[in-house]
Amino acid sequence: MADSSFSIDVAAIRERARQKMADGPVTAGYGRSAEEVIGVLNDVLATEIVCWMRYAQHAISATGIDRAQVAAEFEEHAAEERDHAMRAAERISQLGGDPDFDPETLARRSHTTYVTFEDGDLRGMLRENLVAERIVIESYQEIIRWLGDGDVTTRRLMEHILAEEEEHADDLTDLLGT
């Protein structure tokens, strides 16, 4: 019968920790390229910023009889998208990267688009935001699968963000009555 007891070489771990202090949280057990993860997270950052701006703009420009309810939902989603962006930026920094907030490249790096409605069309805004949420959900599912066990911390961050994006899609579906 095989010995299934847990054992680690703490002395070796301590020595590696002292030798590689400049690497911060990226240890020998990190199973991904930090540069690749930083690149993916910078695209997530751009996506979340574009979503935040779209929801904020829609909350302000929405009109019609259901404006108050829909605008309140858009404001809540905008705040959560901004929080997602900041959490992605923080993780980029933890991995030794620089979060890319460059306004000139945000739209190009974002998985979603920034769509406005000059006439304050609530249904159009709801539909466009639902499409964006569905894009984000599928994109983030792919990122989570790609991360696997190679970067558990980033995967858990993305899983948490994904759960909130799925809640957004559910909220929008309810408001659309579909």
N, C-alpha and C. Protein backbone atom coordinates (compact mmCIF):
# COMPACT_ATOMS: atom_id res chain seq x y z
N MET A 1 0.84 -1.18 0.00
CA MET A 1 0.00 0.00 0.00
C MET A 1 0.89 1.24 0.00
N ALA A 2 0.58 2.20 -0.87
CA ALA A 2 1.38 3.41 -1.01
C ALA A 2 1.16 4.35 0.17
N ASP A 3 2.24 5.03 0.54
CA ASP A 3 2.16 6.02 1.61
C ASP A 3 1.52 7.28 1.06
N SER A 4 0.39 7.67 1.62
CA SER A 4 -0.34 8.84 1.13
C SER A 4 -0.20 10.04 2.06
N SER A 5 0.79 10.02 2.93
CA SER A 5 0.95 11.14 3.85
C SER A 5 1.55 12.33 3.10
N PHE A 6 1.23 13.50 3.58
CA PHE A 6 1.69 14.74 2.97
C PHE A 6 3.08 15.07 3.48
N SER A 7 3.97 15.45 2.56
CA SER A 7 5.33 15.79 2.95
C SER A 7 5.88 16.85 2.00
N ILE A 8 6.50 17.87 2.57
CA ILE A 8 7.17 18.88 1.75
C ILE A 8 8.53 19.20 2.36
N ASP A 9 9.41 19.70 1.53
CA ASP A 9 10.74 20.09 1.98
C ASP A 9 10.71 21.57 2.32
N VAL A 10 10.37 21.87 3.56
CA VAL A 10 10.21 23.26 4.00
C VAL A 10 11.54 24.01 3.91
N ALA A 11 12.63 23.37 4.19
CA ALA A 11 13.94 24.04 4.12
C ALA A 11 14.21 24.51 2.69
N ALA A 12 13.92 23.66 1.71
CA ALA A 12 14.13 24.05 0.31
C ALA A 12 13.19 25.19 -0.09
N ILE A 13 11.96 25.15 0.37
CA ILE A 13 11.00 26.21 0.08
C ILE A 13 11.48 27.53 0.68
N ARG A 14 11.97 27.49 1.90
CA ARG A 14 12.49 28.69 2.54
C ARG A 14 13.66 29.28 1.76
N GLU A 15 14.54 28.42 1.31
CA GLU A 15 15.71 28.88 0.55
C GLU A 15 15.29 29.52 -0.78
N ARG A 16 14.38 28.88 -1.50
CA ARG A 16 13.89 29.45 -2.77
C ARG A 16 13.20 30.79 -2.54
N ALA A 17 12.43 30.88 -1.44
CA ALA A 17 11.73 32.13 -1.13
C ALA A 17 12.71 33.27 -0.93
N ARG A 18 13.83 33.00 -0.27
CA ARG A 18 14.83 34.03 -0.03
C ARG A 18 15.57 34.40 -1.33
N GLN A 19 15.82 33.43 -2.17
CA GLN A 19 16.57 33.68 -3.41
C GLN A 19 15.74 34.43 -4.45
N LYS A 20 14.43 34.27 -4.44
CA LYS A 20 13.57 34.82 -5.49
C LYS A 20 12.59 35.85 -4.96
N MET A 21 12.96 36.61 -3.95
CA MET A 21 12.05 37.57 -3.35
C MET A 21 11.53 38.59 -4.36
N ALA A 22 12.33 38.99 -5.32
CA ALA A 22 11.92 39.99 -6.31
C ALA A 22 10.78 39.49 -7.19
N ASP A 23 10.54 38.18 -7.22
CA ASP A 23 9.47 37.63 -8.05
C ASP A 23 8.10 37.75 -7.40
N GLY A 24 8.05 38.29 -6.19
CA GLY A 24 6.76 38.47 -5.51
C GLY A 24 6.00 37.16 -5.38
N PRO A 25 4.74 37.13 -5.81
CA PRO A 25 3.92 35.93 -5.63
C PRO A 25 4.18 34.84 -6.67
N VAL A 26 4.99 35.12 -7.70
CA VAL A 26 5.24 34.13 -8.75
C VAL A 26 6.36 33.21 -8.29
N THR A 27 5.98 32.00 -7.91
CA THR A 27 6.94 31.03 -7.38
C THR A 27 7.25 29.97 -8.43
N ALA A 28 8.14 29.05 -8.07
CA ALA A 28 8.53 27.97 -8.98
C ALA A 28 7.33 27.11 -9.38
N GLY A 29 6.31 27.07 -8.53
CA GLY A 29 5.13 26.26 -8.81
C GLY A 29 4.13 26.94 -9.75
N TYR A 30 4.41 28.17 -10.14
CA TYR A 30 3.50 28.90 -11.04
C TYR A 30 3.52 28.20 -12.40
N GLY A 31 2.37 27.78 -12.87
CA GLY A 31 2.30 26.92 -14.04
C GLY A 31 1.96 27.61 -15.35
N ARG A 32 2.06 28.90 -15.42
CA ARG A 32 1.76 29.66 -16.64
C ARG A 32 2.88 30.65 -16.88
N SER A 33 2.90 31.23 -18.05
CA SER A 33 3.80 32.34 -18.32
C SER A 33 3.16 33.59 -17.75
N ALA A 34 3.84 34.23 -16.81
CA ALA A 34 3.27 35.44 -16.20
C ALA A 34 3.01 36.49 -17.28
N GLU A 35 3.87 36.59 -18.27
CA GLU A 35 3.69 37.58 -19.34
C GLU A 35 2.42 37.30 -20.13
N GLU A 36 2.14 36.04 -20.42
CA GLU A 36 0.92 35.69 -21.15
C GLU A 36 -0.32 36.00 -20.30
N VAL A 37 -0.28 35.66 -19.03
CA VAL A 37 -1.42 35.93 -18.14
C VAL A 37 -1.63 37.44 -18.03
N ILE A 38 -0.56 38.20 -17.91
CA ILE A 38 -0.67 39.66 -17.85
C ILE A 38 -1.32 40.19 -19.13
N GLY A 39 -0.92 39.65 -20.27
CA GLY A 39 -1.54 40.07 -21.53
C GLY A 39 -3.03 39.78 -21.58
N VAL A 40 -3.41 38.59 -21.16
CA VAL A 40 -4.83 38.23 -21.12
C VAL A 40 -5.58 39.13 -20.14
N LEU A 41 -5.00 39.36 -18.96
CA LEU A 41 -5.65 40.21 -17.97
C LEU A 41 -5.76 41.66 -18.43
N ASN A 42 -4.81 42.13 -19.22
CA ASN A 42 -4.94 43.49 -19.76
C ASN A 42 -6.10 43.57 -20.74
N ASP A 43 -6.37 42.49 -21.48
CA ASP A 43 -7.56 42.46 -22.33
C ASP A 43 -8.83 42.42 -21.49
N VAL A 44 -8.81 41.68 -20.38
CA VAL A 44 -9.93 41.65 -19.45
C VAL A 44 -10.14 43.05 -18.87
N LEU A 45 -9.06 43.70 -18.49
CA LEU A 45 -9.14 45.07 -17.96
C LEU A 45 -9.81 45.99 -18.98
N ALA A 46 -9.38 45.93 -20.23
CA ALA A 46 -9.99 46.77 -21.27
C ALA A 46 -11.47 46.45 -21.43
N THR A 47 -11.81 45.17 -21.42
CA THR A 47 -13.20 44.75 -21.57
C THR A 47 -14.05 45.30 -20.43
N GLU A 48 -13.57 45.19 -19.22
CA GLU A 48 -14.32 45.65 -18.06
C GLU A 48 -14.47 47.17 -18.07
N ILE A 49 -13.46 47.90 -18.50
CA ILE A 49 -13.56 49.36 -18.57
C ILE A 49 -14.58 49.76 -19.62
N VAL A 50 -14.56 49.12 -20.79
CA VAL A 50 -15.55 49.42 -21.83
C VAL A 50 -16.96 49.10 -21.33
N CYS A 51 -17.13 47.98 -20.64
CA CYS A 51 -18.45 47.64 -20.09
C CYS A 51 -18.89 48.66 -19.05
N TRP A 52 -17.97 49.07 -18.20
CA TRP A 52 -18.28 50.09 -17.19
C TRP A 52 -18.75 51.38 -17.87
N MET A 53 -18.01 51.82 -18.88
CA MET A 53 -18.37 53.07 -19.56
C MET A 53 -19.71 52.94 -20.28
N ARG A 54 -19.95 51.79 -20.91
CA ARG A 54 -21.22 51.59 -21.63
C ARG A 54 -22.40 51.61 -20.67
N TYR A 55 -22.28 50.87 -19.56
CA TYR A 55 -23.37 50.86 -18.57
C TYR A 55 -23.59 52.26 -17.98
N ALA A 56 -22.51 52.97 -17.67
CA ALA A 56 -22.65 54.31 -17.10
C ALA A 56 -23.33 55.25 -18.09
N GLN A 57 -22.94 55.18 -19.35
CA GLN A 57 -23.55 56.04 -20.37
C GLN A 57 -25.03 55.68 -20.55
N HIS A 58 -25.33 54.39 -20.57
CA HIS A 58 -26.73 53.96 -20.72
C HIS A 58 -27.58 54.39 -19.52
N ALA A 59 -27.01 54.33 -18.33
CA ALA A 59 -27.76 54.75 -17.13
C ALA A 59 -28.15 56.22 -17.22
N ILE A 60 -27.28 57.03 -17.78
CA ILE A 60 -27.54 58.46 -17.89
C ILE A 60 -28.49 58.78 -19.04
N SER A 61 -28.36 58.07 -20.15
CA SER A 61 -29.12 58.44 -21.35
C SER A 61 -30.44 57.69 -21.50
N ALA A 62 -30.72 56.74 -20.65
CA ALA A 62 -31.96 55.97 -20.75
C ALA A 62 -33.18 56.87 -20.57
N THR A 63 -34.21 56.60 -21.35
CA THR A 63 -35.46 57.36 -21.23
C THR A 63 -36.63 56.39 -21.26
N GLY A 64 -37.81 56.89 -20.94
CA GLY A 64 -39.02 56.07 -21.03
C GLY A 64 -39.61 55.78 -19.67
N ILE A 65 -40.74 55.11 -19.71
CA ILE A 65 -41.53 54.87 -18.51
C ILE A 65 -40.79 53.98 -17.50
N ASP A 66 -39.94 53.06 -17.97
CA ASP A 66 -39.21 52.16 -17.08
C ASP A 66 -37.79 52.65 -16.79
N ARG A 67 -37.51 53.92 -17.12
CA ARG A 67 -36.17 54.47 -17.00
C ARG A 67 -35.57 54.28 -15.61
N ALA A 68 -36.31 54.59 -14.56
CA ALA A 68 -35.76 54.55 -13.20
C ALA A 68 -35.26 53.15 -12.84
N GLN A 69 -36.06 52.14 -13.11
CA GLN A 69 -35.67 50.76 -12.78
C GLN A 69 -34.47 50.32 -13.61
N VAL A 70 -34.51 50.57 -14.92
CA VAL A 70 -33.43 50.13 -15.80
C VAL A 70 -32.16 50.91 -15.52
N ALA A 71 -32.25 52.22 -15.33
CA ALA A 71 -31.07 53.03 -15.04
C ALA A 71 -30.42 52.59 -13.73
N ALA A 72 -31.22 52.25 -12.73
CA ALA A 72 -30.67 51.77 -11.46
C ALA A 72 -29.90 50.46 -11.67
N GLU A 73 -30.44 49.59 -12.50
CA GLU A 73 -29.74 48.32 -12.80
C GLU A 73 -28.43 48.60 -13.54
N PHE A 74 -28.48 49.51 -14.51
CA PHE A 74 -27.27 49.88 -15.26
C PHE A 74 -26.21 50.48 -14.32
N GLU A 75 -26.64 51.33 -13.38
CA GLU A 75 -25.70 51.93 -12.43
C GLU A 75 -25.04 50.85 -11.56
N GLU A 76 -25.84 49.90 -11.10
CA GLU A 76 -25.30 48.80 -10.29
C GLU A 76 -24.29 47.99 -11.10
N HIS A 77 -24.64 47.65 -12.33
CA HIS A 77 -23.74 46.87 -13.17
C HIS A 77 -22.46 47.67 -13.47
N ALA A 78 -22.60 48.98 -13.71
CA ALA A 78 -21.43 49.82 -13.98
C ALA A 78 -20.45 49.76 -12.80
N ALA A 79 -20.97 49.88 -11.59
CA ALA A 79 -20.11 49.83 -10.40
C ALA A 79 -19.40 48.49 -10.29
N GLU A 80 -20.10 47.41 -10.60
CA GLU A 80 -19.49 46.08 -10.53
C GLU A 80 -18.45 45.89 -11.62
N GLU A 81 -18.70 46.42 -12.82
CA GLU A 81 -17.71 46.33 -13.90
C GLU A 81 -16.45 47.10 -13.54
N ARG A 82 -16.62 48.26 -12.93
CA ARG A 82 -15.45 49.04 -12.50
C ARG A 82 -14.66 48.24 -11.45
N ASP A 83 -15.36 47.60 -10.53
CA ASP A 83 -14.69 46.77 -9.52
C ASP A 83 -13.94 45.61 -10.18
N HIS A 84 -14.54 44.99 -11.19
CA HIS A 84 -13.85 43.92 -11.92
C HIS A 84 -12.57 44.44 -12.54
N ALA A 85 -12.65 45.62 -13.16
CA ALA A 85 -11.48 46.22 -13.80
C ALA A 85 -10.36 46.45 -12.78
N MET A 86 -10.71 46.98 -11.64
CA MET A 86 -9.70 47.27 -10.63
C MET A 86 -9.09 45.99 -10.06
N ARG A 87 -9.89 44.95 -9.92
CA ARG A 87 -9.36 43.67 -9.42
C ARG A 87 -8.42 43.03 -10.45
N ALA A 88 -8.78 43.13 -11.74
CA ALA A 88 -7.89 42.62 -12.79
C ALA A 88 -6.59 43.42 -12.79
N ALA A 89 -6.68 44.75 -12.65
CA ALA A 89 -5.49 45.59 -12.63
C ALA A 89 -4.59 45.24 -11.45
N GLU A 90 -5.18 45.00 -10.31
CA GLU A 90 -4.40 44.62 -9.13
C GLU A 90 -3.68 43.29 -9.35
N ARG A 91 -4.35 42.33 -9.97
CA ARG A 91 -3.71 41.05 -10.24
C ARG A 91 -2.56 41.22 -11.23
N ILE A 92 -2.74 42.05 -12.24
CA ILE A 92 -1.65 42.33 -13.19
C ILE A 92 -0.44 42.85 -12.44
N SER A 93 -0.67 43.78 -11.53
CA SER A 93 0.42 44.34 -10.74
C SER A 93 1.07 43.28 -9.87
N GLN A 94 0.28 42.41 -9.24
CA GLN A 94 0.83 41.33 -8.41
C GLN A 94 1.75 40.43 -9.21
N LEU A 95 1.41 40.23 -10.48
CA LEU A 95 2.21 39.35 -11.34
C LEU A 95 3.43 40.06 -11.94
N GLY A 96 3.62 41.32 -11.56
CA GLY A 96 4.80 42.05 -12.02
C GLY A 96 4.57 42.85 -13.29
N GLY A 97 3.32 42.99 -13.70
CA GLY A 97 3.01 43.72 -14.92
C GLY A 97 2.47 45.11 -14.64
N ASP A 98 2.23 45.82 -15.72
CA ASP A 98 1.65 47.16 -15.64
C ASP A 98 0.26 47.12 -16.24
N PRO A 99 -0.76 47.44 -15.45
CA PRO A 99 -2.12 47.51 -16.00
C PRO A 99 -2.18 48.56 -17.11
N ASP A 100 -2.78 48.20 -18.23
CA ASP A 100 -2.85 49.07 -19.40
C ASP A 100 -4.20 49.79 -19.43
N PHE A 101 -4.20 51.03 -18.96
CA PHE A 101 -5.40 51.86 -18.95
C PHE A 101 -5.43 52.83 -20.14
N ASP A 102 -4.58 52.61 -21.14
CA ASP A 102 -4.45 53.54 -22.26
C ASP A 102 -5.77 53.70 -23.00
N PRO A 103 -6.37 54.91 -22.96
CA PRO A 103 -7.66 55.12 -23.62
C PRO A 103 -7.60 54.88 -25.13
N GLU A 104 -6.44 55.09 -25.74
CA GLU A 104 -6.33 54.91 -27.18
C GLU A 104 -6.46 53.46 -27.62
N THR A 105 -6.19 52.51 -26.73
CA THR A 105 -6.23 51.10 -27.12
C THR A 105 -7.36 50.31 -26.45
N LEU A 106 -8.11 50.94 -25.55
CA LEU A 106 -9.14 50.21 -24.81
C LEU A 106 -10.14 49.52 -25.74
N ALA A 107 -10.71 50.25 -26.66
CA ALA A 107 -11.74 49.67 -27.54
C ALA A 107 -11.17 48.54 -28.38
N ARG A 108 -9.96 48.66 -28.83
CA ARG A 108 -9.34 47.63 -29.66
C ARG A 108 -9.06 46.35 -28.86
N ARG A 109 -8.69 46.50 -27.59
CA ARG A 109 -8.35 45.34 -26.76
C ARG A 109 -9.58 44.70 -26.11
N SER A 110 -10.67 45.42 -26.05
CA SER A 110 -11.88 44.92 -25.38
C SER A 110 -12.54 43.81 -26.20
N HIS A 111 -13.08 42.83 -25.50
CA HIS A 111 -13.83 41.76 -26.16
C HIS A 111 -15.21 42.25 -26.58
N THR A 112 -15.72 43.28 -25.90
CA THR A 112 -17.04 43.83 -26.21
C THR A 112 -16.89 45.17 -26.91
N THR A 113 -18.01 45.70 -27.37
CA THR A 113 -17.99 47.00 -28.05
C THR A 113 -18.72 48.04 -27.21
N TYR A 114 -18.49 49.28 -27.56
CA TYR A 114 -19.14 50.40 -26.88
C TYR A 114 -20.21 50.92 -27.82
N VAL A 115 -21.46 50.70 -27.46
CA VAL A 115 -22.58 51.08 -28.31
C VAL A 115 -23.45 52.07 -27.54
N THR A 116 -23.78 53.19 -28.18
CA THR A 116 -24.67 54.18 -27.57
C THR A 116 -25.98 54.23 -28.33
N PHE A 117 -26.99 54.79 -27.68
CA PHE A 117 -28.32 54.93 -28.29
C PHE A 117 -28.75 56.37 -28.10
N GLU A 118 -28.77 57.13 -29.18
CA GLU A 118 -29.11 58.55 -29.10
C GLU A 118 -30.55 58.78 -28.66
N ASP A 119 -31.42 57.84 -28.93
CA ASP A 119 -32.83 58.04 -28.60
C ASP A 119 -33.21 57.50 -27.22
N GLY A 120 -32.26 57.03 -26.43
CA GLY A 120 -32.54 56.52 -25.09
C GLY A 120 -33.32 55.22 -25.08
N ASP A 121 -33.26 54.45 -26.16
CA ASP A 121 -33.99 53.21 -26.36
C ASP A 121 -33.63 52.16 -25.29
N LEU A 122 -34.50 52.02 -24.29
CA LEU A 122 -34.24 51.08 -23.20
C LEU A 122 -34.08 49.64 -23.68
N ARG A 123 -34.99 49.20 -24.52
CA ARG A 123 -34.91 47.80 -24.99
C ARG A 123 -33.63 47.58 -25.78
N GLY A 124 -33.26 48.54 -26.60
CA GLY A 124 -32.01 48.42 -27.35
C GLY A 124 -30.80 48.35 -26.44
N MET A 125 -30.80 49.18 -25.40
CA MET A 125 -29.70 49.15 -24.42
C MET A 125 -29.66 47.82 -23.69
N LEU A 126 -30.82 47.35 -23.27
CA LEU A 126 -30.87 46.06 -22.57
C LEU A 126 -30.35 44.94 -23.47
N ARG A 127 -30.80 44.92 -24.72
CA ARG A 127 -30.34 43.88 -25.65
C ARG A 127 -28.84 43.97 -25.88
N GLU A 128 -28.33 45.18 -26.12
CA GLU A 128 -26.89 45.35 -26.38
C GLU A 128 -26.05 44.94 -25.17
N ASN A 129 -26.51 45.29 -23.97
CA ASN A 129 -25.78 44.90 -22.77
C ASN A 129 -25.86 43.40 -22.54
N LEU A 130 -26.98 42.77 -22.89
CA LEU A 130 -27.08 41.32 -22.77
C LEU A 130 -26.12 40.64 -23.75
N VAL A 131 -26.04 41.15 -24.97
CA VAL A 131 -25.08 40.60 -25.94
C VAL A 131 -23.66 40.72 -25.37
N ALA A 132 -23.34 41.89 -24.84
CA ALA A 132 -22.00 42.10 -24.27
C ALA A 132 -21.73 41.13 -23.13
N GLU A 133 -22.71 40.94 -22.26
CA GLU A 133 -22.53 40.00 -21.14
C GLU A 133 -22.30 38.58 -21.65
N ARG A 134 -23.03 38.20 -22.68
CA ARG A 134 -22.86 36.85 -23.24
C ARG A 134 -21.46 36.69 -23.86
N ILE A 135 -20.96 37.74 -24.49
CA ILE A 135 -19.59 37.70 -25.04
C ILE A 135 -18.59 37.52 -23.91
N VAL A 136 -18.76 38.31 -22.85
CA VAL A 136 -17.86 38.24 -21.70
C VAL A 136 -17.93 36.86 -21.05
N ILE A 137 -19.11 36.34 -20.87
CA ILE A 137 -19.27 35.02 -20.25
C ILE A 137 -18.50 33.96 -21.03
N GLU A 138 -18.69 33.93 -22.34
CA GLU A 138 -17.99 32.92 -23.13
C GLU A 138 -16.48 33.15 -23.14
N SER A 139 -16.05 34.40 -23.26
CA SER A 139 -14.62 34.71 -23.23
C SER A 139 -13.98 34.30 -21.91
N TYR A 140 -14.65 34.64 -20.80
CA TYR A 140 -14.08 34.35 -19.50
C TYR A 140 -14.09 32.85 -19.20
N GLN A 141 -15.08 32.13 -19.71
CA GLN A 141 -15.06 30.68 -19.57
C GLN A 141 -13.82 30.10 -20.26
N GLU A 142 -13.50 30.61 -21.43
CA GLU A 142 -12.30 30.15 -22.16
C GLU A 142 -11.03 30.48 -21.38
N ILE A 143 -10.96 31.69 -20.82
CA ILE A 143 -9.79 32.09 -20.03
C ILE A 143 -9.64 31.17 -18.82
N ILE A 144 -10.74 30.87 -18.15
CA ILE A 144 -10.70 29.99 -16.97
C ILE A 144 -10.20 28.61 -17.36
N ARG A 145 -10.69 28.08 -18.46
CA ARG A 145 -10.22 26.75 -18.92
C ARG A 145 -8.73 26.81 -19.24
N TRP A 146 -8.29 27.89 -19.90
CA TRP A 146 -6.88 28.03 -20.27
C TRP A 146 -6.00 28.13 -19.03
N LEU A 147 -6.44 28.86 -18.02
CA LEU A 147 -5.65 29.00 -16.80
C LEU A 147 -5.52 27.68 -16.06
N GLY A 148 -6.59 26.91 -16.03
CA GLY A 148 -6.58 25.61 -15.35
C GLY A 148 -5.96 25.71 -13.98
N ASP A 149 -5.05 24.77 -13.70
CA ASP A 149 -4.35 24.77 -12.42
C ASP A 149 -3.03 25.52 -12.50
N GLY A 150 -2.74 26.13 -13.65
CA GLY A 150 -1.47 26.85 -13.82
C GLY A 150 -1.39 28.14 -13.03
N ASP A 151 -2.53 28.78 -12.80
CA ASP A 151 -2.58 30.00 -12.00
C ASP A 151 -3.94 30.01 -11.29
N VAL A 152 -3.97 29.35 -10.17
CA VAL A 152 -5.22 29.15 -9.43
C VAL A 152 -5.78 30.48 -8.93
N THR A 153 -4.92 31.39 -8.52
CA THR A 153 -5.40 32.68 -7.99
C THR A 153 -6.11 33.47 -9.08
N THR A 154 -5.50 33.57 -10.25
CA THR A 154 -6.14 34.29 -11.36
C THR A 154 -7.40 33.56 -11.80
N ARG A 155 -7.36 32.24 -11.83
CA ARG A 155 -8.55 31.47 -12.20
C ARG A 155 -9.70 31.77 -11.24
N ARG A 156 -9.41 31.78 -9.94
CA ARG A 156 -10.46 32.07 -8.96
C ARG A 156 -11.00 33.48 -9.13
N LEU A 157 -10.12 34.43 -9.40
CA LEU A 157 -10.56 35.81 -9.67
C LEU A 157 -11.51 35.82 -10.86
N MET A 158 -11.12 35.15 -11.94
CA MET A 158 -11.94 35.12 -13.14
C MET A 158 -13.26 34.38 -12.89
N GLU A 159 -13.23 33.33 -12.08
CA GLU A 159 -14.47 32.61 -11.75
C GLU A 159 -15.43 33.50 -10.98
N HIS A 160 -14.90 34.31 -10.08
CA HIS A 160 -15.75 35.22 -9.32
C HIS A 160 -16.34 36.29 -10.24
N ILE A 161 -15.52 36.85 -11.10
CA ILE A 161 -16.02 37.84 -12.05
C ILE A 161 -17.06 37.20 -12.97
N LEU A 162 -16.78 36.00 -13.45
CA LEU A 162 -17.72 35.28 -14.33
C LEU A 162 -19.07 35.11 -13.65
N ALA A 163 -19.08 34.74 -12.38
CA ALA A 163 -20.35 34.55 -11.67
C ALA A 163 -21.15 35.85 -11.64
N GLU A 164 -20.48 36.97 -11.44
CA GLU A 164 -21.18 38.26 -11.44
C GLU A 164 -21.67 38.63 -12.84
N GLU A 165 -20.89 38.28 -13.86
CA GLU A 165 -21.33 38.56 -15.24
C GLU A 165 -22.56 37.73 -15.58
N GLU A 166 -22.60 36.49 -15.11
CA GLU A 166 -23.78 35.66 -15.33
C GLU A 166 -25.00 36.24 -14.61
N GLU A 167 -24.81 36.81 -13.42
CA GLU A 167 -25.90 37.49 -12.71
C GLU A 167 -26.39 38.69 -13.53
N HIS A 168 -25.45 39.44 -14.13
CA HIS A 168 -25.84 40.58 -14.97
C HIS A 168 -26.71 40.11 -16.13
N ALA A 169 -26.28 39.04 -16.79
CA ALA A 169 -27.05 38.52 -17.92
C ALA A 169 -28.44 38.10 -17.47
N ASP A 170 -28.54 37.48 -16.31
CA ASP A 170 -29.83 37.07 -15.78
C ASP A 170 -30.71 38.29 -15.49
N ASP A 171 -30.12 39.32 -14.88
CA ASP A 171 -30.87 40.56 -14.60
C ASP A 171 -31.40 41.17 -15.89
N LEU A 172 -30.56 41.23 -16.91
CA LEU A 172 -30.96 41.84 -18.19
C LEU A 172 -32.05 41.02 -18.86
N THR A 173 -31.92 39.70 -18.79
CA THR A 173 -32.95 38.82 -19.35
C THR A 173 -34.30 39.06 -18.67
N ASP A 174 -34.26 39.20 -17.33
CA ASP A 174 -35.50 39.48 -16.58
C ASP A 174 -36.10 40.80 -17.01
N LEU A 175 -35.27 41.83 -17.16
CA LEU A 175 -35.78 43.15 -17.55
C LEU A 175 -36.35 43.16 -18.96
N LEU A 176 -35.76 42.33 -19.83
CA LEU A 176 -36.28 42.22 -21.20
C LEU A 176 -37.56 41.41 -21.26
N GLY A 177 -37.80 40.59 -20.23
CA GLY A 177 -39.00 39.75 -20.22
C GLY A 177 -38.90 38.60 -21.19
N THR A 178 -37.67 38.14 -21.44
CA THR A 178 -37.49 37.01 -22.38
C THR A 178 -37.28 35.71 -21.66
